N, C-alpha and C. Protein backbone atom coordinates (compact mmCIF):
# COMPACT_ATOMS: atom_id res chain seq x y z
N MET A 1 -3.98 -23.85 8.87
CA MET A 1 -4.22 -23.86 7.39
C MET A 1 -2.84 -23.00 6.76
N THR A 2 -2.65 -23.93 5.73
CA THR A 2 -1.12 -23.13 5.27
C THR A 2 -1.69 -22.17 4.13
N LEU A 3 -0.50 -21.15 3.72
CA LEU A 3 -0.77 -20.30 2.75
C LEU A 3 -1.57 -20.95 1.07
N GLU A 4 -0.66 -22.05 0.91
CA GLU A 4 -1.30 -22.77 -0.34
C GLU A 4 -2.82 -23.21 -0.21
N ALA A 5 -3.20 -23.72 0.86
CA ALA A 5 -4.38 -24.20 1.33
C ALA A 5 -5.23 -22.93 1.03
N ILE A 6 -5.03 -21.85 1.50
CA ILE A 6 -5.84 -20.54 1.40
C ILE A 6 -5.89 -20.10 -0.05
N LYS A 7 -4.75 -20.18 -0.82
CA LYS A 7 -4.77 -19.70 -2.03
C LYS A 7 -5.53 -20.67 -3.13
N GLU A 8 -5.73 -21.99 -2.82
CA GLU A 8 -6.42 -22.96 -3.51
C GLU A 8 -7.98 -22.93 -3.03
N ALA A 9 -8.49 -22.35 -1.83
CA ALA A 9 -9.53 -22.10 -1.54
C ALA A 9 -9.86 -20.92 -2.36
N ILE A 10 -9.49 -19.88 -2.38
CA ILE A 10 -9.75 -18.57 -3.03
C ILE A 10 -9.80 -18.69 -4.53
N VAL A 11 -9.10 -19.69 -5.15
CA VAL A 11 -9.44 -20.11 -6.34
C VAL A 11 -10.53 -20.70 -6.61
N GLN A 12 -11.02 -21.47 -5.64
CA GLN A 12 -12.19 -22.33 -5.99
C GLN A 12 -13.55 -21.65 -5.53
N LEU A 13 -13.45 -20.12 -4.84
CA LEU A 13 -14.60 -19.28 -4.72
C LEU A 13 -15.24 -18.84 -5.69
N PRO A 14 -16.84 -18.80 -5.88
CA PRO A 14 -17.25 -18.14 -7.03
C PRO A 14 -16.67 -16.82 -7.02
N GLU A 15 -17.17 -16.31 -8.43
CA GLU A 15 -16.46 -14.94 -8.72
C GLU A 15 -16.88 -13.86 -7.72
N GLU A 16 -18.54 -13.96 -7.55
CA GLU A 16 -19.00 -12.84 -6.55
C GLU A 16 -18.26 -13.06 -4.92
N GLU A 17 -18.02 -14.11 -4.64
CA GLU A 17 -17.18 -14.43 -3.44
C GLU A 17 -15.70 -13.96 -3.22
N ARG A 18 -15.21 -13.97 -4.57
CA ARG A 18 -13.72 -13.83 -4.57
C ARG A 18 -13.65 -11.89 -4.72
N LEU A 19 -14.60 -11.29 -5.30
CA LEU A 19 -14.74 -10.16 -5.41
C LEU A 19 -15.02 -9.43 -4.09
N ALA A 20 -15.96 -10.10 -3.27
CA ALA A 20 -16.48 -9.78 -1.86
C ALA A 20 -14.74 -9.75 -1.14
N LEU A 21 -14.25 -10.99 -1.24
CA LEU A 21 -12.97 -10.73 -0.57
C LEU A 21 -12.14 -9.78 -0.80
N GLU A 22 -11.85 -9.58 -2.20
CA GLU A 22 -10.92 -8.73 -2.73
C GLU A 22 -11.62 -7.10 -2.08
N SER A 23 -12.89 -7.02 -2.08
CA SER A 23 -13.07 -5.63 -1.09
C SER A 23 -12.74 -5.64 0.09
N TRP A 24 -12.83 -6.63 0.71
CA TRP A 24 -12.83 -6.50 1.96
C TRP A 24 -11.05 -6.65 2.37
N LEU A 25 -10.23 -7.06 1.57
CA LEU A 25 -8.62 -7.26 1.84
C LEU A 25 -8.42 -5.52 1.64
N ALA A 26 -9.02 -5.04 0.61
CA ALA A 26 -8.74 -3.75 0.21
C ALA A 26 -9.02 -2.57 1.15
N LYS A 27 -10.18 -3.16 1.81
CA LYS A 27 -10.71 -1.99 2.86
C LYS A 27 -10.00 -2.16 4.02
N ALA A 28 -9.30 -3.47 4.59
CA ALA A 28 -8.52 -3.63 5.71
C ALA A 28 -7.08 -3.22 5.45
N TRP A 29 -6.57 -3.20 4.17
CA TRP A 29 -5.28 -2.52 3.48
C TRP A 29 -5.40 -1.12 3.65
N ASP A 30 -6.30 -0.48 3.37
CA ASP A 30 -6.60 1.17 3.54
C ASP A 30 -6.39 1.51 4.92
N ALA A 31 -7.19 0.77 5.59
CA ALA A 31 -7.72 1.19 7.06
C ALA A 31 -5.80 0.97 7.71
N GLN A 32 -5.28 -0.12 7.52
CA GLN A 32 -4.12 0.11 7.86
C GLN A 32 -3.04 1.02 7.64
N ILE A 33 -2.98 1.53 6.50
CA ILE A 33 -2.26 2.00 5.97
C ILE A 33 -2.48 3.95 6.56
N GLU A 34 -3.92 3.90 6.26
CA GLU A 34 -4.30 5.41 7.23
C GLU A 34 -3.92 5.37 8.62
N ASN A 35 -3.84 4.13 9.57
CA ASN A 35 -3.52 4.36 10.89
C ASN A 35 -1.99 4.27 10.77
N ASP A 36 -1.11 3.51 10.13
CA ASP A 36 -0.04 3.57 10.27
C ASP A 36 0.55 5.39 9.72
N PHE A 37 -0.10 5.98 8.76
CA PHE A 37 0.48 7.50 8.77
C PHE A 37 -0.44 8.43 9.36
N SER A 38 -1.05 8.04 10.28
CA SER A 38 -1.93 8.85 11.10
C SER A 38 -1.17 9.52 12.36
N PRO A 39 -1.13 10.62 12.93
CA PRO A 39 -0.25 10.99 14.16
C PRO A 39 -0.26 9.75 15.19
N GLY A 40 0.98 9.40 15.26
CA GLY A 40 1.32 8.28 16.42
C GLY A 40 1.30 6.84 15.79
N GLY A 41 1.04 6.82 14.38
CA GLY A 41 1.30 5.69 13.63
C GLY A 41 2.78 5.24 13.34
N ALA A 42 3.11 4.15 13.00
CA ALA A 42 4.30 3.86 12.49
C ALA A 42 4.93 4.18 11.43
N GLY A 43 4.00 4.71 10.54
CA GLY A 43 4.79 5.56 9.43
C GLY A 43 5.43 6.95 9.61
N MET A 44 4.68 7.27 10.53
CA MET A 44 5.05 8.70 10.88
C MET A 44 6.27 9.51 10.77
N ALA A 45 7.27 8.78 11.53
CA ALA A 45 8.62 8.91 11.64
C ALA A 45 9.13 9.06 9.95
N LEU A 46 8.65 8.21 9.16
CA LEU A 46 9.10 8.18 7.75
C LEU A 46 8.54 9.50 7.25
N LEU A 47 7.54 9.73 7.24
CA LEU A 47 6.73 10.92 6.51
C LEU A 47 7.69 12.28 7.23
N GLU A 48 8.08 12.45 8.60
CA GLU A 48 8.65 13.65 9.07
C GLU A 48 10.02 13.50 8.65
N GLU A 49 10.70 12.34 8.37
CA GLU A 49 12.20 12.62 7.71
C GLU A 49 12.10 13.01 6.48
N VAL A 50 11.07 12.70 5.65
CA VAL A 50 10.98 13.17 4.33
C VAL A 50 10.61 14.53 4.23
N ASP A 51 9.67 14.98 4.95
CA ASP A 51 9.41 16.31 5.06
C ASP A 51 10.60 17.31 5.55
N ALA A 52 11.31 16.75 6.44
CA ALA A 52 12.71 17.46 6.74
C ALA A 52 13.69 17.49 5.50
N GLN A 53 13.81 16.66 4.76
CA GLN A 53 14.66 16.29 4.00
C GLN A 53 14.33 17.23 2.73
N ILE A 54 12.78 17.31 2.32
CA ILE A 54 12.39 18.45 1.58
C ILE A 54 12.71 19.81 1.69
N GLU A 55 12.50 20.18 3.29
CA GLU A 55 12.77 21.45 3.60
C GLU A 55 14.12 21.88 3.53
N ALA A 56 15.10 20.78 3.85
CA ALA A 56 16.26 21.08 3.89
C ALA A 56 16.80 21.26 2.32
N GLY A 57 15.86 21.05 1.53
CA GLY A 57 16.33 21.09 -0.15
C GLY A 57 17.12 19.97 -0.70
N ASN A 58 16.84 18.66 -0.02
CA ASN A 58 17.50 17.42 -0.43
C ASN A 58 16.84 16.80 -1.58
N PHE A 59 15.93 17.33 -2.18
CA PHE A 59 15.26 16.63 -3.19
C PHE A 59 15.02 17.72 -4.54
N GLY A 60 15.09 17.10 -5.87
CA GLY A 60 15.11 17.94 -6.70
C GLY A 60 13.85 17.36 -7.57
N HIS A 61 13.79 17.94 -9.02
CA HIS A 61 13.14 17.69 -9.81
C HIS A 61 13.49 16.13 -10.61
N PHE A 62 12.38 15.41 -10.80
CA PHE A 62 12.88 14.18 -11.67
C PHE A 62 13.20 14.61 -12.95
N LYS A 63 13.95 14.06 -13.71
CA LYS A 63 14.31 14.42 -14.98
C LYS A 63 13.07 13.77 -16.03
N VAL A 64 12.29 14.39 -16.66
CA VAL A 64 11.37 13.79 -17.68
C VAL A 64 12.07 13.36 -18.86
N THR A 65 11.82 12.34 -19.66
CA THR A 65 12.22 11.80 -20.56
C THR A 65 11.27 10.89 -21.17
N ARG A 66 10.96 10.89 -22.85
CA ARG A 66 10.16 10.16 -23.32
C ARG A 66 10.40 8.80 -23.27
N PRO A 67 9.48 7.67 -23.33
CA PRO A 67 9.85 6.33 -23.15
C PRO A 67 10.62 6.20 -24.98
N ARG A 68 11.21 4.96 -24.90
CA ARG A 68 11.96 4.29 -25.88
C ARG A 68 10.76 3.66 -26.75
N GLU A 69 10.89 3.94 -27.88
CA GLU A 69 9.73 3.22 -28.77
C GLU A 69 10.47 2.20 -29.57
């Protein structure tokens, strides 16, 4: 099945089923993120690097400005 066929099938789902699919995908995404950023996960090296950079003082405050009107 192609991506385009999947998209077309999703568009044709009744709203209730699209919402159920959205919920299922969100839960799967959350589980993957949690797994990646748990000890031993693929994202832990990135978090450790960021922590080291923060401890080394390599980060500062963002300059806060007002948006243009």
